[in-house]
Amino acid sequence: MQTSGNTHILLTPEESRQADAWALKNGTNGLTLMEAAGKAVAEVIVDYIGTPLEAGGEILILCGPGNNGGDGFVAARYLDEWGYPVRVMMSVETRDLKGDAAIMARRWQGGVGPIDTKRLKGATVVVDALFGTGLTRAIEGELAEVIEAVNALDAFRVAVDMPSGLDGDSGIPTGPCFQADMTVTFFTKKPGHIVAPGRFLCGGVEHIHAADIGISSRSLDAIKPTLFENTPSLWGSSYPFPGPETHKYHRGHLLVLGGKEPTLGACRLAATAGLRVGAGLVTLAAPSETYNIQATALTDVMVRRFDSAFGFLGIMADTRINTILLGPGAGVGEKTAELVHDVARRDKAMVLDADALTSLVGRLDIFAQEGTDDVVLTPHEGEFARLFPGLSKETNKVAAARSAAVSSKCLIVLKGVSTIVAAPDGRVSIAANAPAWLSVAGTGDVLSGVIAGLMAQGMPPFEAASAGVWLHGEAAMKAGRGLIASDLVTALPQVLL
């Protein structure tokens, strides 16, 4: 199977249909696409299960009424030709098929039976070619019972394009959902493959394969995709690699607002992460009551004292300081909100996290008024719900983050199992590399520091936030289970590009 070269581009189900339509309009035959898709499914299955002797059992293919079912018939034909025992079951009568799917069903020389839960036993591989992205409502009745029965089987489960019952836009099941161990999709992945829980229902990101079926990448010029899987291929060309003559003053100066007791470590983590990721200089502005503590604890980060918002703005007046990080351990309240507003009126890039976000509930209009395009907000789901209460019930997290970015005119980093970066211009990246053990206190402070450190070096906000999220997840993988937030800072050099 040839893998698609569009490694980080995601197309919604509707955009995928547009890509298919573009290919048909520009000379590609629909049967050719279906033949390539079904063959790709068969090839991936063989890669996983080995030879017919190694497979050791029957491959059961469940075919539905549309093109997804047509792909299943093609896969059945190839597997049969290669010597694998194959059985096909259909959710409709063969005579009810139309178009390319009907032609592919006629090319299948084996038998076809109705879908029956009593006839599932004996299959070591079950292929879901029922609906793919062609169904947006909940699966009900006998088919729902079949899906639940298949999920309970001790068999290797393969989804064609998208597990039936999973919404391809949001990654959320619409009802009973096929639980795949591996998914083969075509041309590009879809958001539902990457956003949790979708990616787990597809078998995990390492078991989702995007096959090249002959759709030209020129179709993307017409579609203009704005959704991306967060990988280095998305933002690598903007990464601030230091050159042989790079000076520390060429790599930006990050200013971090110092925290208050009992969370003094939060701002230290953020400042150290900004320095570790490559910012040339990092200064922590500490209130007088914590100055001695911070100055003693930090050796690589500069520490400066301030006693009022006026004093902080005075430190910020240094023209070499180009990026400000506010929030970790800053305290929640009017003073923090006013300081954020004061900083927003200066021509500096800004990353806001933690207490700064909570202090800004009901006050985000300041950014729309100032018209800034280099402010990054990094809320977790609870903070997001408080900041954007009108979007809190939106089940499609990608759509919610995108709407929040447009309304606030800020870049949104919605942290979670699948961290989403959404820009006001509509671009969205979705990360899928964060391990479960990353969910401990302080890791968000490290993330905000990494993003701010990359922005200080001149990386554009969308690329900096996407890169920061990816590096954060990779560092957690390197650190391993049992990590604490400071382990991320230590692990960062192992994953820096």
Protein backbone atom coordinates (compact mmCIF):
# COMPACT_ATOMS: atom_id res chain seq x y z
CA MET A 1 0.00 0.00 0.00
CA GLN A 2 1.28 3.46 -0.87
CA THR A 3 0.76 5.97 1.91
CA SER A 4 -0.65 9.39 1.08
CA GLY A 5 1.93 12.19 1.08
CA ASN A 6 -0.45 14.67 2.70
CA THR A 7 0.78 13.70 6.13
CA HIS A 8 -0.59 16.55 8.22
CA ILE A 9 -3.61 17.70 6.22
CA LEU A 10 -7.04 16.76 7.55
CA LEU A 11 -10.17 16.94 5.41
CA THR A 12 -13.66 16.92 6.86
CA PRO A 13 -16.03 14.29 5.41
CA GLU A 14 -17.58 16.99 3.23
CA GLU A 15 -14.16 18.16 2.01
CA SER A 16 -13.27 14.53 1.27
CA ARG A 17 -16.33 14.29 -0.92
CA GLN A 18 -15.19 17.47 -2.65
CA ALA A 19 -11.79 15.85 -3.27
CA ASP A 20 -13.50 12.80 -4.78
CA ALA A 21 -15.65 15.07 -6.95
CA TRP A 22 -12.56 17.00 -8.09
CA ALA A 23 -10.85 13.75 -9.07
CA LEU A 24 -13.89 12.58 -11.07
CA LYS A 25 -14.18 15.95 -12.78
CA ASN A 26 -10.52 15.87 -13.73
CA GLY A 27 -10.42 12.51 -15.41
CA THR A 28 -10.23 9.90 -12.66
CA ASN A 29 -12.76 7.09 -12.93
CA GLY A 30 -14.86 6.33 -9.85
CA LEU A 31 -14.30 2.60 -10.25
CA THR A 32 -10.55 3.25 -10.31
CA LEU A 33 -10.77 5.08 -6.98
CA MET A 34 -12.86 2.32 -5.43
CA GLU A 35 -10.55 -0.39 -6.75
CA ALA A 36 -7.53 1.39 -5.25
CA ALA A 37 -9.33 1.93 -1.93
CA GLY A 38 -10.41 -1.68 -1.54
CA LYS A 39 -6.99 -2.98 -2.53
CA ALA A 40 -5.36 -0.67 0.03
CA VAL A 41 -7.63 -2.10 2.74
CA ALA A 42 -6.67 -5.64 1.75
CA GLU A 43 -2.96 -4.79 1.71
CA VAL A 44 -3.02 -3.27 5.18
CA ILE A 45 -4.92 -6.24 6.57
CA VAL A 46 -2.29 -8.58 5.13
CA ASP A 47 0.49 -6.46 6.63
CA TYR A 48 -1.09 -6.94 10.04
CA ILE A 49 -2.16 -10.58 9.99
CA GLY A 50 0.57 -12.18 7.86
CA THR A 51 0.16 -15.12 5.51
CA PRO A 52 -3.06 -17.17 5.30
CA LEU A 53 -1.46 -19.81 7.50
CA GLU A 54 -0.38 -17.22 10.06
CA ALA A 55 -3.81 -15.56 10.02
CA GLY A 56 -5.36 -18.84 11.06
CA GLY A 57 -9.03 -18.06 10.49
CA GLU A 58 -11.77 -16.44 8.45
CA ILE A 59 -11.94 -12.79 7.40
CA LEU A 60 -15.51 -11.51 7.72
CA ILE A 61 -16.37 -8.39 5.74
CA LEU A 62 -19.54 -6.48 6.63
CA CYS A 63 -20.72 -4.43 3.62
CA GLY A 64 -23.22 -1.60 3.68
CA PRO A 65 -25.35 0.00 0.97
CA GLY A 66 -22.98 2.72 -0.29
CA ASN A 67 -19.44 3.23 -1.54
CA ASN A 68 -18.04 2.02 1.77
CA GLY A 69 -19.64 -1.34 1.03
CA GLY A 70 -18.18 -1.20 -2.47
CA ASP A 71 -14.70 -0.80 -0.95
CA GLY A 72 -15.45 -3.87 1.16
CA PHE A 73 -16.30 -5.99 -1.90
CA VAL A 74 -13.03 -4.98 -3.57
CA ALA A 75 -11.07 -5.88 -0.41
CA ALA A 76 -12.87 -9.24 -0.29
CA ARG A 77 -11.91 -9.99 -3.90
CA TYR A 78 -8.22 -9.26 -3.38
CA LEU A 79 -8.02 -11.19 -0.12
CA ASP A 80 -9.72 -14.14 -1.77
CA GLU A 81 -7.28 -14.02 -4.72
CA TRP A 82 -4.37 -14.00 -2.26
CA GLY A 83 -5.57 -17.19 -0.61
CA TYR A 84 -7.37 -15.92 2.50
CA PRO A 85 -10.71 -17.42 3.57
CA VAL A 86 -13.24 -14.60 3.14
CA ARG A 87 -16.92 -14.34 3.95
CA VAL A 88 -19.11 -11.33 3.03
CA MET A 89 -22.27 -10.30 4.84
CA MET A 90 -24.48 -7.42 3.66
CA SER A 91 -26.86 -5.07 5.45
CA VAL A 92 -29.08 -4.82 2.33
CA GLU A 93 -29.93 -6.98 -0.64
CA THR A 94 -27.31 -6.96 -3.39
CA ARG A 95 -29.95 -5.86 -5.88
CA ASP A 96 -30.44 -2.68 -3.87
CA LEU A 97 -26.88 -1.48 -4.51
CA LYS A 98 -26.32 1.30 -7.02
CA GLY A 99 -23.51 2.82 -9.03
CA ASP A 100 -19.90 1.75 -8.51
CA ALA A 101 -20.75 -0.29 -5.41
CA ALA A 102 -23.16 -2.43 -7.44
CA ILE A 103 -20.49 -3.08 -10.07
CA MET A 104 -17.93 -4.11 -7.46
CA ALA A 105 -20.47 -6.43 -5.82
CA ARG A 106 -20.99 -8.18 -9.18
CA ARG A 107 -17.21 -8.62 -9.56
CA TRP A 108 -17.12 -10.52 -6.27
CA GLN A 109 -17.45 -14.20 -7.12
CA GLY A 110 -17.95 -15.47 -3.58
CA GLY A 111 -21.16 -15.84 -1.66
CA VAL A 112 -23.01 -13.03 0.12
CA GLY A 113 -25.20 -13.55 3.14
CA PRO A 114 -27.29 -11.29 5.36
CA ILE A 115 -25.78 -9.82 8.48
CA ASP A 116 -26.62 -12.09 11.36
CA THR A 117 -25.15 -11.94 14.88
CA LYS A 118 -25.43 -15.74 15.10
CA ARG A 119 -22.97 -16.12 12.19
CA LEU A 120 -20.18 -13.95 13.57
CA LYS A 121 -18.33 -16.72 15.37
CA GLY A 122 -15.25 -18.14 13.69
CA ALA A 123 -14.01 -14.84 12.31
CA THR A 124 -10.51 -13.83 13.34
CA VAL A 125 -10.74 -10.56 11.39
CA VAL A 126 -13.88 -8.44 11.01
CA VAL A 127 -13.92 -5.61 8.48
CA ASP A 128 -16.41 -2.77 8.95
CA ALA A 129 -17.41 -1.55 5.48
CA LEU A 130 -20.93 -0.63 6.55
CA PHE A 131 -21.16 3.17 6.49
CA GLY A 132 -17.82 4.97 6.94
CA THR A 133 -18.53 8.71 6.88
CA GLY A 134 -21.78 8.22 5.00
CA LEU A 135 -23.97 8.15 8.10
CA THR A 136 -24.38 10.96 10.63
CA ARG A 137 -27.34 9.63 12.63
CA ALA A 138 -27.22 6.97 15.32
CA ILE A 139 -27.20 3.34 14.20
CA GLU A 140 -30.26 1.54 15.52
CA GLY A 141 -31.99 -1.80 15.55
CA GLU A 142 -30.36 -4.99 14.28
CA LEU A 143 -27.23 -3.24 12.98
CA ALA A 144 -26.63 -1.70 16.40
CA GLU A 145 -26.85 -5.18 17.91
CA VAL A 146 -24.41 -6.47 15.29
CA ILE A 147 -21.88 -3.73 16.07
CA GLU A 148 -22.10 -4.44 19.78
CA ALA A 149 -21.67 -8.16 19.13
CA VAL A 150 -18.64 -7.57 16.89
CA ASN A 151 -17.07 -5.33 19.53
CA ALA A 152 -17.35 -8.22 21.99
CA LEU A 153 -15.63 -10.70 19.68
CA ASP A 154 -12.06 -11.84 20.21
CA ALA A 155 -11.17 -10.71 16.70
CA PHE A 156 -9.02 -8.12 14.95
CA ARG A 157 -11.38 -5.33 13.89
CA VAL A 158 -10.69 -3.16 10.83
CA ALA A 159 -12.63 -0.05 9.84
CA VAL A 160 -12.86 1.14 6.24
CA ASP A 161 -12.49 4.94 6.09
CA MET A 162 -14.19 5.58 9.47
CA PRO A 163 -15.65 3.24 12.08
CA SER A 164 -19.39 3.06 11.52
CA GLY A 165 -21.17 5.16 14.12
CA LEU A 166 -18.29 7.64 14.56
CA ASP A 167 -18.77 11.24 13.46
CA GLY A 168 -15.94 12.14 11.09
CA ASP A 169 -16.00 15.83 12.00
CA SER A 170 -16.03 15.71 15.79
CA GLY A 171 -14.63 12.28 16.65
CA ILE A 172 -17.67 11.62 18.84
CA PRO A 173 -19.85 8.49 18.44
CA THR A 174 -23.39 9.21 17.31
CA GLY A 175 -24.58 6.06 19.11
CA PRO A 176 -23.37 2.44 18.91
CA CYS A 177 -19.93 2.56 17.30
CA PHE A 178 -17.61 -0.01 15.78
CA GLN A 179 -14.44 -0.21 17.88
CA ALA A 180 -11.59 -0.68 15.43
CA ASP A 181 -8.11 -2.00 16.13
CA MET A 182 -7.01 -0.43 12.86
CA THR A 183 -8.50 1.99 10.34
CA VAL A 184 -7.70 2.50 6.67
CA THR A 185 -8.80 5.84 5.27
CA PHE A 186 -8.11 7.41 1.88
CA PHE A 187 -6.13 10.42 0.61
CA THR A 188 -6.05 12.22 3.98
CA LYS A 189 -7.13 11.56 7.53
CA LYS A 190 -10.20 13.28 8.92
CA PRO A 191 -10.64 15.24 12.18
CA GLY A 192 -12.60 12.35 13.68
CA HIS A 193 -9.53 10.13 13.31
CA ILE A 194 -7.44 12.43 15.49
CA VAL A 195 -9.75 14.04 18.08
CA ALA A 196 -10.40 11.89 21.14
CA PRO A 197 -12.29 9.65 21.63
CA GLY A 198 -12.33 9.12 17.86
CA ARG A 199 -8.68 8.23 17.55
CA PHE A 200 -9.02 5.51 20.19
CA LEU A 201 -12.06 4.06 18.42
CA CYS A 202 -9.98 4.01 15.23
CA GLY A 203 -7.26 1.96 16.92
CA GLY A 204 -4.91 4.73 18.02
CA VAL A 205 -3.02 7.18 15.84
CA GLU A 206 -0.27 4.66 15.00
CA HIS A 207 -2.92 2.31 13.55
CA ILE A 208 -4.67 4.83 11.30
CA HIS A 209 -3.46 4.57 7.71
CA ALA A 210 -4.16 7.15 4.98
CA ALA A 211 -3.80 5.36 1.64
CA ASP A 212 -2.96 6.98 -1.67
CA ILE A 213 -5.77 5.99 -4.04
CA GLY A 214 -4.87 8.31 -6.92
CA ILE A 215 -6.47 11.63 -5.93
CA SER A 216 -4.09 14.40 -6.93
CA SER A 217 -2.86 16.81 -4.27
CA ARG A 218 -3.89 19.53 -6.73
CA SER A 219 -7.42 19.02 -5.46
CA LEU A 220 -6.29 20.66 -2.22
CA ASP A 221 -5.71 23.92 -4.08
CA ALA A 222 -9.44 24.07 -4.73
CA ILE A 223 -10.48 22.93 -1.25
CA LYS A 224 -7.99 25.10 0.70
CA PRO A 225 -7.93 22.93 3.86
CA THR A 226 -7.60 24.63 7.24
CA LEU A 227 -7.48 21.56 9.51
CA PHE A 228 -4.18 19.85 10.28
CA GLU A 229 -2.77 17.07 12.39
CA ASN A 230 -0.15 18.63 14.65
CA THR A 231 3.14 17.17 13.43
CA PRO A 232 6.51 18.77 12.59
CA SER A 233 5.62 18.72 8.89
CA LEU A 234 3.02 21.40 9.69
CA TRP A 235 5.28 23.93 11.39
CA GLY A 236 8.85 22.74 10.84
CA SER A 237 9.62 25.31 8.15
CA SER A 238 8.94 28.09 10.70
CA TYR A 239 10.98 26.54 13.51
CA PRO A 240 13.67 28.94 14.85
CA PHE A 241 16.79 26.88 14.20
CA PRO A 242 19.83 28.79 15.46
CA GLY A 243 22.53 29.52 12.89
CA PRO A 244 26.31 29.60 13.37
CA GLU A 245 26.25 33.36 13.97
CA THR A 246 23.12 33.46 16.12
CA HIS A 247 23.48 35.71 19.18
CA LYS A 248 21.39 35.52 22.32
CA TYR A 249 19.94 38.95 21.49
CA HIS A 250 18.75 37.53 18.17
CA ARG A 251 16.71 34.87 19.97
CA GLY A 252 14.28 37.12 21.80
CA HIS A 253 13.72 38.17 25.38
CA LEU A 254 10.81 36.67 27.30
CA LEU A 255 9.36 38.40 30.37
CA VAL A 256 7.39 36.23 32.81
CA LEU A 257 5.14 37.65 35.54
CA GLY A 258 6.20 36.21 38.89
CA GLY A 259 3.69 34.30 40.95
CA LYS A 260 2.42 34.48 44.51
CA GLU A 261 2.38 31.98 47.34
CA PRO A 262 1.60 29.08 47.39
CA THR A 263 2.21 28.66 43.63
CA LEU A 264 5.64 30.22 43.24
CA GLY A 265 6.85 27.21 41.29
CA ALA A 266 4.40 27.76 38.44
CA CYS A 267 6.11 30.86 37.05
CA ARG A 268 9.54 29.28 37.60
CA LEU A 269 8.53 26.28 35.51
CA ALA A 270 7.22 28.54 32.76
CA ALA A 271 10.31 30.76 32.74
CA THR A 272 12.73 27.84 32.72
CA ALA A 273 10.79 26.14 29.91
CA GLY A 274 10.96 29.32 27.82
CA LEU A 275 14.72 29.41 28.27
CA ARG A 276 15.10 25.69 27.62
CA VAL A 277 13.24 25.91 24.31
CA GLY A 278 15.66 28.53 23.03
CA ALA A 279 14.67 32.04 24.06
CA GLY A 280 17.88 34.09 24.24
CA LEU A 281 16.99 35.79 27.52
CA VAL A 282 14.27 35.18 30.09
CA THR A 283 13.42 37.53 32.94
CA LEU A 284 11.10 36.70 35.83
CA ALA A 285 9.50 39.79 37.34
CA ALA A 286 8.98 38.99 41.03
CA PRO A 287 7.01 40.99 43.62
CA SER A 288 9.23 42.22 46.45
CA GLU A 289 7.80 39.73 48.96
CA THR A 290 8.91 36.78 46.79
CA TYR A 291 11.98 38.28 45.16
CA ASN A 292 14.54 36.63 47.46
CA ILE A 293 12.92 33.23 47.05
CA GLN A 294 12.84 33.43 43.27
CA ALA A 295 16.31 34.92 42.94
CA THR A 296 17.70 32.10 45.10
CA ALA A 297 15.84 29.36 43.24
CA LEU A 298 16.70 30.49 39.72
CA THR A 299 20.22 30.49 38.33
CA ASP A 300 19.66 30.64 34.55
CA VAL A 301 16.70 33.02 34.54
CA MET A 302 17.17 36.68 35.44
CA VAL A 303 14.99 37.94 38.30
CA ARG A 304 13.85 41.53 38.65
CA ARG A 305 11.85 43.10 41.46
CA PHE A 306 8.61 45.07 41.04
CA ASP A 307 5.99 46.37 43.46
CA SER A 308 3.13 47.60 41.29
CA ALA A 309 1.63 47.36 37.82
CA PHE A 310 3.52 50.53 37.00
CA GLY A 311 6.75 48.80 38.03
CA PHE A 312 5.99 45.76 35.85
CA LEU A 313 5.25 47.98 32.88
CA GLY A 314 8.53 49.73 33.55
CA ILE A 315 10.41 46.44 33.26
CA MET A 316 8.44 45.68 30.13
CA ALA A 317 9.55 48.97 28.58
CA ASP A 318 12.91 47.38 27.74
CA THR A 319 12.76 47.29 23.94
CA ARG A 320 14.60 43.97 23.84
CA ILE A 321 11.64 42.30 25.59
CA ASN A 322 9.32 41.13 22.82
CA THR A 323 7.10 38.50 24.49
CA ILE A 324 5.20 38.53 27.79
CA LEU A 325 3.86 35.52 29.69
CA LEU A 326 1.19 36.22 32.28
CA GLY A 327 -0.77 33.89 34.51
CA PRO A 328 1.10 30.98 36.14
CA GLY A 329 0.69 31.58 39.87
CA ALA A 330 -0.23 35.25 39.29
CA GLY A 331 -3.37 35.21 41.46
CA VAL A 332 -6.97 35.66 40.38
CA GLY A 333 -8.59 39.05 40.60
CA GLU A 334 -9.02 42.60 39.43
CA LYS A 335 -5.33 43.49 39.64
CA THR A 336 -4.32 40.65 37.34
CA ALA A 337 -7.05 41.55 34.86
CA GLU A 338 -6.02 45.20 34.81
CA LEU A 339 -2.38 44.26 34.31
CA VAL A 340 -3.31 42.08 31.35
CA HIS A 341 -5.26 44.96 29.86
CA ASP A 342 -2.33 47.33 30.37
CA VAL A 343 0.10 44.89 28.74
CA ALA A 344 -2.31 44.31 25.82
CA ARG A 345 -2.02 47.97 24.88
CA ARG A 346 1.73 47.61 24.32
CA ASP A 347 3.18 46.24 21.12
CA LYS A 348 4.32 42.91 22.55
CA ALA A 349 3.42 39.30 21.86
CA MET A 350 1.59 37.77 24.81
CA VAL A 351 0.77 34.31 26.19
CA LEU A 352 -1.93 34.05 28.86
CA ASP A 353 -2.45 31.04 31.09
CA ALA A 354 -3.96 29.93 34.40
CA ASP A 355 -4.86 32.83 36.73
CA ALA A 356 -4.71 35.40 33.94
CA LEU A 357 -7.41 33.50 32.06
CA THR A 358 -9.68 33.18 35.07
CA SER A 359 -9.23 36.89 35.82
CA LEU A 360 -10.35 37.72 32.25
CA VAL A 361 -13.75 36.01 32.42
CA GLY A 362 -16.17 38.51 30.87
CA ARG A 363 -13.31 40.82 29.81
CA LEU A 364 -11.99 39.32 26.57
CA ASP A 365 -13.33 42.21 24.50
CA ILE A 366 -10.07 44.06 25.18
CA PHE A 367 -8.29 42.00 22.53
CA ALA A 368 -10.93 42.54 19.89
CA GLN A 369 -10.79 46.28 20.60
CA GLU A 370 -7.02 46.47 20.38
CA GLY A 371 -6.97 44.38 17.20
CA THR A 372 -3.92 42.38 18.24
CA ASP A 373 -3.02 39.22 16.35
CA ASP A 374 -0.29 37.82 18.61
CA VAL A 375 -2.13 36.95 21.82
CA VAL A 376 -2.30 33.27 22.78
CA LEU A 377 -4.81 31.95 25.34
CA THR A 378 -4.10 28.48 26.76
CA PRO A 379 -7.22 27.31 28.64
CA HIS A 380 -8.01 23.81 29.80
CA GLU A 381 -11.62 22.74 29.31
CA GLY A 382 -12.86 24.24 32.60
CA GLU A 383 -11.24 27.62 31.88
CA PHE A 384 -12.54 27.50 28.32
CA ALA A 385 -16.11 26.99 29.59
CA ARG A 386 -15.78 30.01 31.87
CA LEU A 387 -14.25 32.21 29.18
CA PHE A 388 -16.66 31.16 26.43
CA PRO A 389 -19.87 30.05 28.17
CA GLY A 390 -21.83 30.19 24.92
CA LEU A 391 -19.58 27.49 23.47
CA SER A 392 -19.36 25.26 26.53
CA LYS A 393 -22.12 22.92 25.32
CA GLU A 394 -20.62 22.49 21.85
CA THR A 395 -19.70 18.82 21.57
CA ASN A 396 -17.45 19.39 18.56
CA LYS A 397 -14.32 20.73 20.27
CA VAL A 398 -12.69 21.72 17.01
CA ALA A 399 -15.67 23.87 16.08
CA ALA A 400 -15.80 25.34 19.59
CA ALA A 401 -12.11 26.29 19.63
CA ARG A 402 -12.36 27.79 16.15
CA SER A 403 -15.40 29.89 17.11
CA ALA A 404 -13.62 31.08 20.26
CA ALA A 405 -10.59 32.18 18.25
CA VAL A 406 -12.71 34.08 15.77
CA SER A 407 -14.81 35.83 18.42
CA SER A 408 -11.90 36.77 20.69
CA LYS A 409 -9.42 37.52 17.89
CA CYS A 410 -6.89 35.50 19.92
CA LEU A 411 -5.17 32.24 19.20
CA ILE A 412 -6.72 29.50 21.36
CA VAL A 413 -4.84 26.50 22.74
CA LEU A 414 -7.61 24.28 24.11
CA LYS A 415 -5.72 21.80 26.28
CA GLY A 416 -6.90 18.24 26.71
CA VAL A 417 -6.47 14.69 25.49
CA SER A 418 -6.39 16.11 21.96
CA THR A 419 -5.04 19.63 22.40
CA ILE A 420 -6.48 21.94 19.74
CA VAL A 421 -4.76 25.08 18.46
CA ALA A 422 -7.18 27.43 16.69
CA ALA A 423 -6.25 30.69 14.98
CA PRO A 424 -8.59 33.59 14.24
CA ASP A 425 -8.01 33.02 10.51
CA GLY A 426 -9.65 29.57 10.75
CA ARG A 427 -6.58 27.34 10.84
CA VAL A 428 -6.70 24.50 13.37
CA SER A 429 -4.14 21.92 14.45
CA ILE A 430 -5.00 18.84 16.48
CA ALA A 431 -2.39 17.02 18.56
CA ALA A 432 -2.44 13.28 19.13
CA ASN A 433 0.88 12.63 20.86
CA ALA A 434 0.19 13.48 24.50
CA PRO A 435 0.38 10.52 26.91
CA ALA A 436 -2.10 10.09 29.76
CA TRP A 437 0.60 10.66 32.39
CA LEU A 438 0.97 14.28 31.24
CA SER A 439 -2.09 15.23 33.30
CA VAL A 440 -0.33 16.36 36.49
CA ALA A 441 0.00 19.78 38.14
CA GLY A 442 2.39 22.23 36.57
CA THR A 443 2.58 20.72 33.10
CA GLY A 444 0.38 23.50 31.71
CA ASP A 445 2.83 26.09 33.07
CA VAL A 446 5.63 24.35 31.16
CA LEU A 447 3.53 24.41 27.99
CA SER A 448 2.85 28.14 28.24
CA GLY A 449 6.58 28.73 28.74
CA VAL A 450 7.48 26.65 25.70
CA ILE A 451 5.00 28.50 23.50
CA ALA A 452 6.16 31.89 24.77
CA GLY A 453 9.80 30.91 24.31
CA LEU A 454 9.19 29.99 20.67
CA MET A 455 7.25 33.20 20.04
CA ALA A 456 10.09 35.21 21.58
CA GLN A 457 12.33 33.76 18.85
CA GLY A 458 10.02 35.07 16.15
CA MET A 459 7.98 31.97 15.42
CA PRO A 460 4.44 33.00 14.33
CA PRO A 461 1.79 32.36 17.00
CA PHE A 462 -0.06 29.50 15.24
CA GLU A 463 3.14 27.67 14.42
CA ALA A 464 4.68 28.42 17.83
CA ALA A 465 1.62 27.14 19.69
CA SER A 466 1.37 24.03 17.52
CA ALA A 467 5.10 23.31 17.89
CA GLY A 468 4.92 23.92 21.64
CA VAL A 469 2.05 21.48 22.04
CA TRP A 470 3.85 18.81 20.02
CA LEU A 471 7.16 19.26 21.85
CA HIS A 472 5.31 19.15 25.17
CA GLY A 473 3.74 15.80 24.28
CA GLU A 474 7.01 14.36 23.00
CA ALA A 475 8.89 15.45 26.11
CA ALA A 476 6.27 13.71 28.23
CA MET A 477 6.79 10.52 26.24
CA LYS A 478 10.54 10.77 26.80
CA ALA A 479 10.10 11.43 30.53
CA GLY A 480 7.83 8.40 30.91
CA ARG A 481 5.30 7.40 33.52
CA GLY A 482 5.53 9.03 36.90
CA LEU A 483 6.70 12.35 35.51
CA ILE A 484 6.36 15.62 37.40
CA ALA A 485 6.27 18.95 35.63
CA SER A 486 9.97 19.72 36.07
CA ASP A 487 10.79 16.45 34.28
CA LEU A 488 9.35 18.00 31.12
CA VAL A 489 11.87 20.83 31.24
CA THR A 490 14.68 18.31 31.64
CA ALA A 491 13.38 16.14 28.76
CA LEU A 492 12.88 18.98 26.29
CA PRO A 493 16.45 18.93 24.86
CA GLN A 494 15.87 15.32 23.74
CA VAL A 495 12.97 16.32 21.48
CA LEU A 496 13.98 19.80 20.28
CA LEU A 497 14.37 19.91 16.51
